C-alpha atoms as a PDB file:
ATOM      1  CA  MET A   1      19.423 -77.477 203.886  1.00  0.00           C
ATOM      2  CA  GLU A   2      20.711 -79.216 207.015  1.00  0.00           C
ATOM      3  CA  SER A   3      22.092 -77.142 209.869  1.00  0.00           C
ATOM      4  CA  VAL A   4      22.039 -73.866 208.084  1.00  0.00           C
ATOM      5  CA  PRO A   5      21.014 -70.308 208.931  1.00  0.00           C
ATOM      6  CA  VAL A   6      17.823 -68.748 207.521  1.00  0.00           C
ATOM      7  CA  LEU A   7      18.014 -68.957 203.752  1.00  0.00           C
ATOM      8  CA  LEU A   8      16.462 -66.733 201.102  1.00  0.00           C
ATOM      9  CA  LEU A   9      14.401 -68.102 198.235  1.00  0.00           C
ATOM     10  CA  ASP A  10      13.899 -66.264 194.925  1.00  0.00           C
ATOM     11  CA  GLY A  11      10.717 -64.367 193.985  1.00  0.00           C
ATOM     12  CA  GLY A  12       8.081 -64.682 191.341  1.00  0.00           C
ATOM     13  CA  PHE A  13       9.537 -66.104 188.112  1.00  0.00           C
ATOM     14  CA  SER A  14       6.774 -65.076 185.758  1.00  0.00           C
ATOM     15  CA  ASN A  15       6.778 -61.319 186.557  1.00  0.00           C
ATOM     16  CA  GLU A  16      10.476 -61.050 186.006  1.00  0.00           C
ATOM     17  CA  LEU A  17      10.578 -63.349 182.947  1.00  0.00           C
ATOM     18  CA  ASN A  18       7.814 -61.249 181.360  1.00  0.00           C
ATOM     19  CA  LYS A  19      10.302 -58.350 181.123  1.00  0.00           C
ATOM     20  CA  ARG A  20      12.541 -60.388 178.856  1.00  0.00           C
ATOM     21  CA  CYS A  21      10.217 -62.782 177.123  1.00  0.00           C
ATOM     22  CA  SER A  22       8.886 -62.854 173.551  1.00  0.00           C
ATOM     23  CA  TYR A  23       5.351 -63.671 174.696  1.00  0.00           C
ATOM     24  CA  ASN A  24       2.987 -62.595 177.486  1.00  0.00           C
ATOM     25  CA  VAL A  25       3.595 -65.241 180.179  1.00  0.00           C
ATOM     26  CA  ASP A  26       0.304 -64.609 181.917  1.00  0.00           C
ATOM     27  CA  LYS A  27      -1.703 -65.348 178.779  1.00  0.00           C
ATOM     28  CA  GLU A  28       0.102 -68.638 178.005  1.00  0.00           C
ATOM     29  CA  SER A  29      -1.293 -72.031 179.079  1.00  0.00           C
ATOM     30  CA  LEU A  30       2.278 -73.252 179.794  1.00  0.00           C
ATOM     31  CA  TRP A  31       3.064 -70.067 181.695  1.00  0.00           C
ATOM     32  CA  THR A  32       6.832 -69.851 182.236  1.00  0.00           C
ATOM     33  CA  ALA A  33       7.461 -73.355 180.877  1.00  0.00           C
ATOM     34  CA  LYS A  34       7.008 -72.295 177.232  1.00  0.00           C
ATOM     35  CA  ALA A  35      10.088 -70.055 177.598  1.00  0.00           C
ATOM     36  CA  LEU A  36      12.217 -73.174 178.040  1.00  0.00           C
ATOM     37  CA  MET A  37      11.751 -73.664 174.320  1.00  0.00           C
ATOM     38  CA  THR A  38      11.252 -70.117 173.000  1.00  0.00           C
ATOM     39  CA  ASP A  39      13.289 -67.941 175.354  1.00  0.00           C
ATOM     40  CA  ALA A  40      16.003 -70.013 177.042  1.00  0.00           C
ATOM     41  CA  LYS A  41      18.339 -67.024 177.410  1.00  0.00           C
ATOM     42  CA  ALA A  42      15.597 -65.120 179.194  1.00  0.00           C
ATOM     43  CA  VAL A  43      15.133 -67.989 181.609  1.00  0.00           C
ATOM     44  CA  THR A  44      18.829 -67.889 182.575  1.00  0.00           C
ATOM     45  CA  GLU A  45      18.771 -64.114 182.851  1.00  0.00           C
ATOM     46  CA  THR A  46      15.796 -64.237 185.166  1.00  0.00           C
ATOM     47  CA  HIS A  47      17.519 -66.782 187.430  1.00  0.00           C
ATOM     48  CA  LEU A  48      20.624 -64.627 187.411  1.00  0.00           C
ATOM     49  CA  GLU A  49      18.715 -61.504 188.372  1.00  0.00           C
ATOM     50  CA  TYR A  50      17.398 -63.204 191.501  1.00  0.00           C
ATOM     51  CA  LEU A  51      20.847 -64.524 192.388  1.00  0.00           C
ATOM     52  CA  LYS A  52      22.219 -61.028 192.058  1.00  0.00           C
ATOM     53  CA  ALA A  53      19.426 -59.836 194.353  1.00  0.00           C
ATOM     54  CA  GLY A  54      20.674 -62.216 197.023  1.00  0.00           C
ATOM     55  CA  ALA A  55      18.663 -65.410 196.628  1.00  0.00           C
ATOM     56  CA  ASP A  56      20.216 -68.543 198.148  1.00  0.00           C
ATOM     57  CA  ILE A  57      17.747 -70.807 196.338  1.00  0.00           C
ATOM     58  CA  ILE A  58      16.384 -70.603 192.817  1.00  0.00           C
ATOM     59  CA  GLU A  59      13.650 -72.700 191.224  1.00  0.00           C
ATOM     60  CA  THR A  60      13.547 -74.231 187.774  1.00  0.00           C
ATOM     61  CA  ALA A  61      10.990 -72.941 185.269  1.00  0.00           C
ATOM     62  CA  THR A  62       9.087 -76.250 185.433  1.00  0.00           C
ATOM     63  CA  TYR A  63       6.060 -75.403 187.513  1.00  0.00           C
ATOM     64  CA  GLN A  64       3.726 -76.081 184.560  1.00  0.00           C
ATOM     65  CA  ALA A  65       6.105 -78.242 182.539  1.00  0.00           C
ATOM     66  CA  THR A  66       4.101 -81.484 182.464  1.00  0.00           C
ATOM     67  CA  THR A  67       4.977 -83.785 179.553  1.00  0.00           C
ATOM     68  CA  ARG A  68       1.306 -83.857 178.546  1.00  0.00           C
ATOM     69  CA  GLY A  69       1.016 -80.102 178.583  1.00  0.00           C
ATOM     70  CA  LEU A  70       4.237 -79.671 176.574  1.00  0.00           C
ATOM     71  CA  GLN A  71       3.128 -82.210 174.016  1.00  0.00           C
ATOM     72  CA  GLU A  72      -0.285 -80.644 173.556  1.00  0.00           C
ATOM     73  CA  SER A  73       0.832 -76.987 173.514  1.00  0.00           C
ATOM     74  CA  LEU A  74       4.140 -77.273 171.678  1.00  0.00           C
ATOM     75  CA  GLY A  75       3.686 -80.442 169.652  1.00  0.00           C
ATOM     76  CA  LEU A  76       6.740 -82.095 171.154  1.00  0.00           C
ATOM     77  CA  SER A  77       7.501 -85.781 171.262  1.00  0.00           C
ATOM     78  CA  PRO A  78       7.838 -87.440 174.706  1.00  0.00           C
ATOM     79  CA  ILE A  79      11.607 -87.473 174.381  1.00  0.00           C
ATOM     80  CA  GLU A  80      11.651 -83.780 173.406  1.00  0.00           C
ATOM     81  CA  CYS A  81       9.591 -83.001 176.470  1.00  0.00           C
ATOM     82  CA  GLU A  82      12.039 -84.795 178.684  1.00  0.00           C
ATOM     83  CA  GLU A  83      14.950 -82.918 177.080  1.00  0.00           C
ATOM     84  CA  LEU A  84      13.218 -79.596 177.621  1.00  0.00           C
ATOM     85  CA  ILE A  85      12.634 -80.362 181.296  1.00  0.00           C
ATOM     86  CA  ALA A  86      16.219 -81.491 181.754  1.00  0.00           C
ATOM     87  CA  ASN A  87      17.397 -78.311 180.064  1.00  0.00           C
ATOM     88  CA  SER A  88      15.582 -76.284 182.676  1.00  0.00           C
ATOM     89  CA  VAL A  89      18.177 -77.461 185.143  1.00  0.00           C
ATOM     90  CA  LYS A  90      21.014 -76.621 182.854  1.00  0.00           C
ATOM     91  CA  LEU A  91      19.650 -73.105 182.432  1.00  0.00           C
ATOM     92  CA  ALA A  92      19.553 -72.703 186.227  1.00  0.00           C
ATOM     93  CA  GLU A  93      23.072 -74.092 186.483  1.00  0.00           C
ATOM     94  CA  ASN A  94      24.216 -71.627 183.842  1.00  0.00           C
ATOM     95  CA  ALA A  95      22.881 -68.795 185.908  1.00  0.00           C
ATOM     96  CA  VAL A  96      24.707 -70.126 188.982  1.00  0.00           C
ATOM     97  CA  SER A  97      27.992 -70.291 187.021  1.00  0.00           C
ATOM     98  CA  GLN A  98      27.617 -66.787 185.755  1.00  0.00           C
ATOM     99  CA  TYR A  99      26.771 -65.556 189.224  1.00  0.00           C
ATOM    100  CA  LYS A 100      29.756 -67.198 190.802  1.00  0.00           C
ATOM    101  CA  SER A 101      31.988 -65.530 188.173  1.00  0.00           C
ATOM    102  CA  LEU A 102      30.839 -62.158 189.503  1.00  0.00           C
ATOM    103  CA  GLN A 103      32.869 -62.784 192.673  1.00  0.00           C
ATOM    104  CA  ASP A 104      30.123 -61.598 195.076  1.00  0.00           C
ATOM    105  CA  ASP A 105      31.959 -61.366 198.405  1.00  0.00           C
ATOM    106  CA  ASN A 106      28.681 -61.338 200.356  1.00  0.00           C
ATOM    107  CA  PHE A 107      27.650 -64.617 198.646  1.00  0.00           C
ATOM    108  CA  PHE A 108      30.940 -66.342 199.389  1.00  0.00           C
ATOM    109  CA  SER A 109      30.699 -65.248 203.023  1.00  0.00           C
ATOM    110  CA  ARG A 110      27.251 -66.951 203.195  1.00  0.00           C
ATOM    111  CA  GLN A 111      28.565 -69.990 201.394  1.00  0.00           C
ATOM    112  CA  ASP A 112      31.307 -70.515 203.958  1.00  0.00           C
ATOM    113  CA  LYS A 113      28.718 -70.686 206.746  1.00  0.00           C
ATOM    114  CA  VAL A 114      26.265 -73.193 205.398  1.00  0.00           C
ATOM    115  CA  LYS A 115      28.283 -76.329 204.887  1.00  0.00           C
ATOM    116  CA  PRO A 116      27.475 -79.178 204.312  1.00  0.00           C
ATOM    117  CA  ALA A 117      24.800 -77.539 202.128  1.00  0.00           C
ATOM    118  CA  LYS A 118      25.917 -75.707 199.027  1.00  0.00           C
ATOM    119  CA  LEU A 119      24.800 -72.391 197.723  1.00  0.00           C
ATOM    120  CA  PRO A 120      23.061 -71.492 195.537  1.00  0.00           C
ATOM    121  CA  ILE A 121      20.602 -74.358 195.773  1.00  0.00           C
ATOM    122  CA  ILE A 122      18.609 -75.319 192.689  1.00  0.00           C
ATOM    123  CA  ALA A 123      15.100 -76.574 193.414  1.00  0.00           C
ATOM    124  CA  GLY A 124      13.066 -78.455 190.789  1.00  0.00           C
ATOM    125  CA  SER A 125       9.600 -76.920 190.723  1.00  0.00           C
ATOM    126  CA  ILE A 126       6.624 -79.288 190.680  1.00  0.00           C
ATOM    127  CA  GLY A 127       3.225 -77.576 190.393  1.00  0.00           C
ATOM    128  CA  PRO A 128      -0.077 -79.367 191.110  1.00  0.00           C
ATOM    129  CA  TYR A 129      -2.168 -81.351 188.641  1.00  0.00           C
ATOM    130  CA  GLY A 130      -4.554 -78.404 188.349  1.00  0.00           C
ATOM    131  CA  VAL A 131      -2.086 -76.212 186.428  1.00  0.00           C
ATOM    132  CA  TYR A 132      -2.449 -78.559 183.427  1.00  0.00           C
ATOM    133  CA  LEU A 133      -6.154 -77.829 183.376  1.00  0.00           C
ATOM    134  CA  HIS A 134      -5.434 -74.091 183.137  1.00  0.00           C
ATOM    135  CA  ASP A 135      -8.753 -73.264 184.888  1.00  0.00           C
ATOM    136  CA  GLY A 136      -7.484 -71.938 188.214  1.00  0.00           C
ATOM    137  CA  SER A 137      -8.350 -75.167 189.989  1.00  0.00           C
ATOM    138  CA  GLU A 138      -4.893 -75.411 191.516  1.00  0.00           C
ATOM    139  CA  TYR A 139      -6.170 -72.765 193.968  1.00  0.00           C
ATOM    140  CA  SER A 140      -9.132 -74.889 195.074  1.00  0.00           C
ATOM    141  CA  GLY A 141      -8.183 -78.469 194.423  1.00  0.00           C
ATOM    142  CA  LYS A 142     -11.650 -79.162 193.034  1.00  0.00           C
ATOM    143  CA  TYR A 143     -10.146 -81.499 190.427  1.00  0.00           C
ATOM    144  CA  MET A 144      -9.306 -83.944 193.239  1.00  0.00           C
ATOM    145  CA  ASP A 145     -12.951 -84.936 193.254  1.00  0.00           C
ATOM    146  CA  LYS A 146     -12.678 -86.242 189.692  1.00  0.00           C
ATOM    147  CA  VAL A 147      -9.174 -87.699 189.210  1.00  0.00           C
ATOM    148  CA  THR A 148      -7.604 -90.983 190.355  1.00  0.00           C
ATOM    149  CA  GLU A 149      -4.223 -91.591 191.880  1.00  0.00           C
ATOM    150  CA  GLU A 150      -3.211 -93.064 188.528  1.00  0.00           C
ATOM    151  CA  ASP A 151      -4.110 -89.761 186.829  1.00  0.00           C
ATOM    152  CA  ILE A 152      -2.090 -87.795 189.356  1.00  0.00           C
ATOM    153  CA  ILE A 153       1.015 -89.974 189.064  1.00  0.00           C
ATOM    154  CA  ASP A 154       0.750 -90.085 185.256  1.00  0.00           C
ATOM    155  CA  MET A 155       0.869 -86.318 185.255  1.00  0.00           C
ATOM    156  CA  HIS A 156       3.767 -85.909 187.656  1.00  0.00           C
ATOM    157  CA  SER A 157       5.981 -88.984 187.247  1.00  0.00           C
ATOM    158  CA  LYS A 158       8.090 -88.180 184.186  1.00  0.00           C
ATOM    159  CA  ARG A 159       8.834 -84.630 185.308  1.00  0.00           C
ATOM    160  CA  LEU A 160       9.841 -85.929 188.731  1.00  0.00           C
ATOM    161  CA  GLU A 161      12.147 -88.539 187.195  1.00  0.00           C
ATOM    162  CA  VAL A 162      13.778 -86.109 184.792  1.00  0.00           C
ATOM    163  CA  LEU A 163      14.454 -83.500 187.463  1.00  0.00           C
ATOM    164  CA  ILE A 164      15.910 -86.111 189.808  1.00  0.00           C
ATOM    165  CA  ASN A 165      18.129 -87.505 187.074  1.00  0.00           C
ATOM    166  CA  SER A 166      19.215 -83.976 186.224  1.00  0.00           C
ATOM    167  CA  ASN A 167      20.538 -83.709 189.771  1.00  0.00           C
ATOM    168  CA  VAL A 168      18.476 -80.858 191.212  1.00  0.00           C
ATOM    169  CA  ASP A 169      19.342 -80.319 194.860  1.00  0.00           C
ATOM    170  CA  ILE A 170      15.822 -80.619 196.052  1.00  0.00           C
ATOM    171  CA  LEU A 171      12.291 -80.964 194.647  1.00  0.00           C
ATOM    172  CA  ALA A 172       9.798 -78.095 195.376  1.00  0.00           C
ATOM    173  CA  ILE A 173       6.334 -79.712 195.448  1.00  0.00           C
ATOM    174  CA  GLU A 174       4.511 -76.475 195.629  1.00  0.00           C
ATOM    175  CA  THR A 175       1.286 -74.523 195.557  1.00  0.00           C
ATOM    176  CA  MET A 176      -0.449 -77.767 196.384  1.00  0.00           C
ATOM    177  CA  PRO A 177      -4.121 -77.425 197.270  1.00  0.00           C
ATOM    178  CA  SER A 178      -4.618 -80.964 198.630  1.00  0.00           C
ATOM    179  CA  LEU A 179      -2.814 -83.228 201.050  1.00  0.00           C
ATOM    180  CA  SER A 180      -4.018 -86.247 199.072  1.00  0.00           C
ATOM    181  CA  GLU A 181      -2.111 -85.165 195.954  1.00  0.00           C
ATOM    182  CA  VAL A 182       1.098 -84.605 197.984  1.00  0.00           C
ATOM    183  CA  GLU A 183       0.793 -88.064 199.547  1.00  0.00           C
ATOM    184  CA  MET A 184       0.365 -89.622 196.159  1.00  0.00           C
ATOM    185  CA  ILE A 185       3.577 -87.998 194.947  1.00  0.00           C
ATOM    186  CA  LEU A 186       5.490 -88.956 198.097  1.00  0.00           C
ATOM    187  CA  ARG A 187       4.281 -92.517 197.876  1.00  0.00           C
ATOM    188  CA  PHE A 188       5.358 -92.663 194.252  1.00  0.00           C
ATOM    189  CA  LEU A 189       8.872 -91.496 195.123  1.00  0.00           C
ATOM    190  CA  GLN A 190       8.929 -94.028 198.012  1.00  0.00           C
ATOM    191  CA  SER A 191       7.776 -96.824 195.713  1.00  0.00           C
ATOM    192  CA  ARG A 192      10.662 -96.126 193.354  1.00  0.00           C
ATOM    193  CA  SER A 193      13.138 -96.180 196.306  1.00  0.00           C
ATOM    194  CA  VAL A 194      14.000 -92.611 195.349  1.00  0.00           C
ATOM    195  CA  ASN A 195      15.372 -90.676 198.274  1.00  0.00           C
ATOM    196  CA  ALA A 196      15.278 -87.297 196.585  1.00  0.00           C
ATOM    197  CA  LYS A 197      15.103 -84.393 198.977  1.00  0.00           C
ATOM    198  CA  VAL A 198      11.759 -82.619 198.967  1.00  0.00           C
ATOM    199  CA  TRP A 199      10.015 -79.583 200.320  1.00  0.00           C
ATOM    200  CA  VAL A 200       6.219 -79.459 200.296  1.00  0.00           C
ATOM    201  CA  SER A 201       4.322 -76.148 200.093  1.00  0.00           C
ATOM    202  CA  PHE A 202       0.566 -75.736 200.217  1.00  0.00           C
ATOM    203  CA  ASN A 203      -1.779 -73.069 198.950  1.00  0.00           C
ATOM    204  CA  LEU A 204      -4.252 -72.058 201.689  1.00  0.00           C
ATOM    205  CA  GLN A 205      -7.833 -70.880 201.919  1.00  0.00           C
ATOM    206  CA  GLU A 206      -7.933 -67.124 201.650  1.00  0.00           C
ATOM    207  CA  ASN A 207     -10.146 -66.643 204.732  1.00  0.00           C
ATOM    208  CA  ASP A 208      -8.801 -69.524 206.810  1.00  0.00           C
ATOM    209  CA  PRO A 209      -5.030 -70.077 206.775  1.00  0.00           C
ATOM    210  CA  SER A 210      -5.458 -73.111 209.100  1.00  0.00           C
ATOM    211  CA  ARG A 211      -6.684 -75.133 206.081  1.00  0.00           C
ATOM    212  CA  THR A 212      -5.212 -75.966 202.718  1.00  0.00           C
ATOM    213  CA  ALA A 213      -7.123 -74.693 199.666  1.00  0.00           C
ATOM    214  CA  TYR A 214      -8.897 -78.062 199.484  1.00  0.00           C
ATOM    215  CA  GLY A 215      -9.754 -78.049 203.151  1.00  0.00           C
ATOM    216  CA  ASP A 216      -7.156 -80.133 204.953  1.00  0.00           C
ATOM    217  CA  TYR A 217      -5.979 -78.782 208.277  1.00  0.00           C
ATOM    218  CA  VAL A 218      -2.416 -77.640 207.914  1.00  0.00           C
ATOM    219  CA  THR A 219      -1.450 -79.265 211.207  1.00  0.00           C
ATOM    220  CA  ASP A 220      -2.702 -82.606 209.873  1.00  0.00           C
ATOM    221  CA  ALA A 221      -0.768 -81.987 206.669  1.00  0.00           C
ATOM    222  CA  PHE A 222       2.404 -81.241 208.673  1.00  0.00           C
ATOM    223  CA  GLN A 223       2.014 -84.424 210.785  1.00  0.00           C
ATOM    224  CA  THR A 224       1.446 -86.545 207.636  1.00  0.00           C
ATOM    225  CA  VAL A 225       4.182 -85.069 205.469  1.00  0.00           C
ATOM    226  CA  SER A 226       6.788 -85.040 208.277  1.00  0.00           C
ATOM    227  CA  LYS A 227       6.654 -88.847 208.479  1.00  0.00           C
ATOM    228  CA  TYR A 228       8.466 -89.110 205.112  1.00  0.00           C
ATOM    229  CA  SER A 229      12.214 -89.065 205.750  1.00  0.00           C
ATOM    230  CA  ASN A 230      13.037 -87.301 202.476  1.00  0.00           C
ATOM    231  CA  VAL A 231      10.826 -84.277 203.270  1.00  0.00           C
ATOM    232  CA  LEU A 232      13.165 -81.554 204.569  1.00  0.00           C
ATOM    233  CA  GLY A 233      10.827 -78.583 204.304  1.00  0.00           C
ATOM    234  CA  PHE A 234       7.143 -77.748 204.874  1.00  0.00           C
ATOM    235  CA  GLY A 235       5.372 -74.507 204.133  1.00  0.00           C
ATOM    236  CA  THR A 236       3.024 -72.354 202.103  1.00  0.00           C
ATOM    237  CA  ASN A 237       3.280 -70.261 198.976  1.00  0.00           C
ATOM    238  CA  CYS A 238       1.250 -67.970 196.725  1.00  0.00           C
ATOM    239  CA  ILE A 239      -0.926 -66.816 199.560  1.00  0.00           C
ATOM    240  CA  ASN A 240      -1.542 -63.264 200.822  1.00  0.00           C
ATOM    241  CA  PRO A 241       1.406 -62.321 203.091  1.00  0.00           C
ATOM    242  CA  LYS A 242      -1.002 -61.383 205.892  1.00  0.00           C
ATOM    243  CA  ASN A 243      -1.907 -65.058 206.213  1.00  0.00           C
ATOM    244  CA  VAL A 244       1.649 -66.279 206.677  1.00  0.00           C
ATOM    245  CA  GLY A 245       1.832 -65.339 210.339  1.00  0.00           C
ATOM    246  CA  PRO A 246      -1.275 -67.273 211.398  1.00  0.00           C
ATOM    247  CA  PHE A 247      -0.032 -70.272 209.368  1.00  0.00           C
ATOM    248  CA  LEU A 248       3.367 -70.202 211.007  1.00  0.00           C
ATOM    249  CA  LYS A 249       1.895 -70.025 214.530  1.00  0.00           C
ATOM    250  CA  LEU A 250      -0.050 -73.262 213.890  1.00  0.00           C
ATOM    251  CA  VAL A 251       2.752 -75.145 212.167  1.00  0.00           C
ATOM    252  CA  SER A 252       5.512 -73.993 214.521  1.00  0.00           C
ATOM    253  CA  GLN A 253       3.477 -75.379 217.408  1.00  0.00           C
ATOM    254  CA  ALA A 254       2.957 -78.656 215.555  1.00  0.00           C
ATOM    255  CA  LYS A 255       6.680 -78.822 214.812  1.00  0.00           C
ATOM    256  CA  ALA A 256       7.577 -78.253 218.456  1.00  0.00           C
ATOM    257  CA  GLU A 257       5.130 -80.884 219.603  1.00  0.00           C
ATOM    258  CA  ALA A 258       6.531 -83.374 217.148  1.00  0.00           C
ATOM    259  CA  LYS A 259      10.142 -82.426 218.017  1.00  0.00           C
ATOM    260  CA  SER A 260      10.689 -82.220 214.267  1.00  0.00           C
ATOM    261  CA  ASP A 261      13.660 -80.650 212.547  1.00  0.00           C
ATOM    262  CA  ILE A 262      11.823 -79.934 209.295  1.00  0.00           C
ATOM    263  CA  LYS A 263      12.521 -76.476 207.914  1.00  0.00           C
ATOM    264  CA  LEU A 264       9.561 -74.130 207.628  1.00  0.00           C
ATOM    265  CA  ILE A 265       9.400 -72.313 204.344  1.00  0.00           C
ATOM    266  CA  VAL A 266       7.106 -69.390 203.367  1.00  0.00           C
ATOM    267  CA  TYR A 267       6.964 -67.498 200.034  1.00  0.00           C
ATOM    268  CA  PRO A 268       3.672 -65.611 199.586  1.00  0.00           C
ATOM    269  CA  ASN A 269       2.644 -63.530 196.648  1.00  0.00           C
ATOM    270  CA  VAL A 270       2.714 -59.714 196.769  1.00  0.00           C
ATOM    271  CA  GLY A 271      -0.773 -59.576 198.281  1.00  0.00           C
ATOM    272  CA  LYS A 272      -2.755 -58.168 195.398  1.00  0.00           C
ATOM    273  CA  THR A 273      -5.764 -59.710 193.765  1.00  0.00           C
ATOM    274  CA  TRP A 274      -5.641 -61.833 190.613  1.00  0.00           C
ATOM    275  CA  ILE A 275      -8.491 -60.895 188.270  1.00  0.00           C
ATOM    276  CA  PRO A 276      -9.116 -63.575 185.621  1.00  0.00           C
ATOM    277  CA  GLY A 277      -8.774 -62.178 182.140  1.00  0.00           C
ATOM    278  CA  GLN A 278      -7.173 -58.982 183.406  1.00  0.00           C
ATOM    279  CA  GLY A 279      -4.234 -59.761 185.577  1.00  0.00           C
ATOM    280  CA  TRP A 280      -3.137 -58.479 188.970  1.00  0.00           C
ATOM    281  CA  SER A 281      -5.053 -55.632 190.575  1.00  0.00           C
ATOM    282  CA  GLU A 282      -3.422 -52.204 191.043  1.00  0.00           C
ATOM    283  CA  GLU A 283      -4.428 -51.821 194.726  1.00  0.00           C
ATOM    284  CA  ASP A 284      -1.957 -50.583 197.297  1.00  0.00           C
ATOM    285  CA  VAL A 285      -0.837 -53.306 199.671  1.00  0.00           C
ATOM    286  CA  PRO A 286       1.666 -53.446 202.531  1.00  0.00           C
ATOM    287  CA  LEU A 287       5.225 -54.148 201.358  1.00  0.00           C
ATOM    288  CA  ILE A 288       6.176 -57.800 201.788  1.00  0.00           C
ATOM    289  CA  GLU A 289       9.291 -56.926 203.762  1.00  0.00           C
ATOM    290  CA  THR A 290       7.136 -55.411 206.531  1.00  0.00           C
ATOM    291  CA  TYR A 291       6.018 -58.903 207.433  1.00  0.00           C
ATOM    292  CA  ALA A 292       9.392 -60.670 207.298  1.00  0.00           C
ATOM    293  CA  LYS A 293      10.670 -60.157 210.820  1.00  0.00           C
ATOM    294  CA  GLU A 294       7.439 -61.572 212.216  1.00  0.00           C
ATOM    295  CA  TRP A 295       7.856 -64.711 210.050  1.00  0.00           C
ATOM    296  CA  LEU A 296      11.422 -65.213 211.366  1.00  0.00           C
ATOM    297  CA  GLU A 297      10.294 -64.752 214.918  1.00  0.00           C
ATOM    298  CA  LEU A 298       7.624 -67.378 214.325  1.00  0.00           C
ATOM    299  CA  GLY A 299      10.200 -69.875 213.196  1.00  0.00           C
ATOM    300  CA  ALA A 300      10.538 -69.575 209.428  1.00  0.00           C
ATOM    301  CA  ASN A 301      13.782 -71.063 208.198  1.00  0.00           C
ATOM    302  CA  ILE A 302      13.431 -70.125 204.543  1.00  0.00           C
ATOM    303  CA  ILE A 303      11.558 -67.080 203.184  1.00  0.00           C
ATOM    304  CA  GLY A 304      11.047 -65.657 199.774  1.00  0.00           C
ATOM    305  CA  GLY A 305       8.321 -64.559 197.350  1.00  0.00           C
ATOM    306  CA  CYS A 306       5.934 -65.888 194.751  1.00  0.00           C
ATOM    307  CA  CYS A 307       3.800 -64.073 192.123  1.00  0.00           C
ATOM    308  CA  GLN A 308       4.637 -60.362 191.627  1.00  0.00           C
ATOM    309  CA  VAL A 309       7.433 -60.375 194.183  1.00  0.00           C
ATOM    310  CA  GLY A 310      10.441 -59.200 192.260  1.00  0.00           C
ATOM    311  CA  PRO A 311      14.217 -58.741 192.685  1.00  0.00           C
ATOM    312  CA  ASP A 312      13.769 -55.395 194.490  1.00  0.00           C
ATOM    313  CA  GLU A 313      11.686 -57.094 197.196  1.00  0.00           C
ATOM    314  CA  ILE A 314      14.197 -59.993 197.371  1.00  0.00           C
ATOM    315  CA  ARG A 315      17.053 -57.477 197.949  1.00  0.00           C
ATOM    316  CA  LYS A 316      15.130 -55.998 200.881  1.00  0.00           C
ATOM    317  CA  LEU A 317      14.418 -59.467 202.288  1.00  0.00           C
ATOM    318  CA  ARG A 318      18.219 -60.233 201.892  1.00  0.00           C
ATOM    319  CA  ASP A 319      19.022 -57.383 204.232  1.00  0.00           C
ATOM    320  CA  ILE A 320      16.472 -58.548 206.774  1.00  0.00           C
ATOM    321  CA  VAL A 321      17.720 -62.162 206.658  1.00  0.00           C
ATOM    322  CA  ASP A 322      21.293 -61.064 206.939  1.00  0.00           C
ATOM    323  CA  ASP A 323      20.508 -58.890 209.976  1.00  0.00           C
ATOM    324  CA  TRP A 324      18.615 -61.810 211.535  1.00  0.00           C
ATOM    325  CA  ASN A 325      21.466 -64.242 210.931  1.00  0.00           C
ATOM    326  CA  ASN A 326      24.134 -61.795 212.152  1.00  0.00           C
ATOM    327  CA  LEU A 327      22.309 -61.162 215.397  1.00  0.00           C
ATOM    328  CA  ARG A 328      22.275 -64.905 216.037  1.00  0.00           C
ATOM    329  CA  GLY A 329      25.927 -65.432 215.059  1.00  0.00           C
ATOM    330  CA  LYS A 330      25.015 -67.542 212.036  1.00  0.00           C
ATOM    331  CA  ILE A 331      26.788 -65.408 209.427  1.00  0.00           C
END
């Protein structure tokens, strides 16, 4: 991710996986992670669909793949859990191999311009502790009032280790509601002398994008996280796209004041409302691509989508990113 033009991340994995999966992803406690065991082919096909749409970065289907959750839901042994997590990287790598065999001229043109980074980039997804609880608390961080650092690390450590040992290009520590949880993870990596590359992405308060879901100021979060040398990216995800602009204004200023070279990454959801027990609302919302140019003007280095953003939207963002990079002589 060093010295590269604006890059494009994939979109929501669950909405696209659901088209190919043997179960309803949104009603499963493991969410997309169950498919690593039941629908491996569908996982690879979903990755491939986003690569064909123009994504430079894809994420493994490990957002909710905690070893504890896999053991309890699927009855797996600890070793089997580790193998399943490792296989998530192989499935992503298979998609990359299949994509490269398609001889996409536009892709190879982009690849030539982003050295020393390689494309596509595979990011290992690390969701927050709250996803294990399956009660929506990842969007508030309320569990942080009840858990210890030992609890947090026990939940994250094995998945982190397996993804790192499986040679993902970068870890995506994402949808984090609390700065404290992020610091615990970063300290753990530091204590193990692991210099794995990381991006950190926070969920924000719906009515106040200056704060994380748990209440930390995003500028404080940026200043804290940017002190870790292995953190290459900072951003937000799974928020309403209308809140991305205000977030970027704050963080871009903090980045300038700190003279930091951290990449800013934003990948909001489609902007609809999640209704527990029902799913996503059917309301009409502005198209995500209508916001994209503003994000780039405000300093975003990597853009993409989260829940309910699909390959069609990623294709449109690809055109916008290409136009932006071409105007600046990057591609």
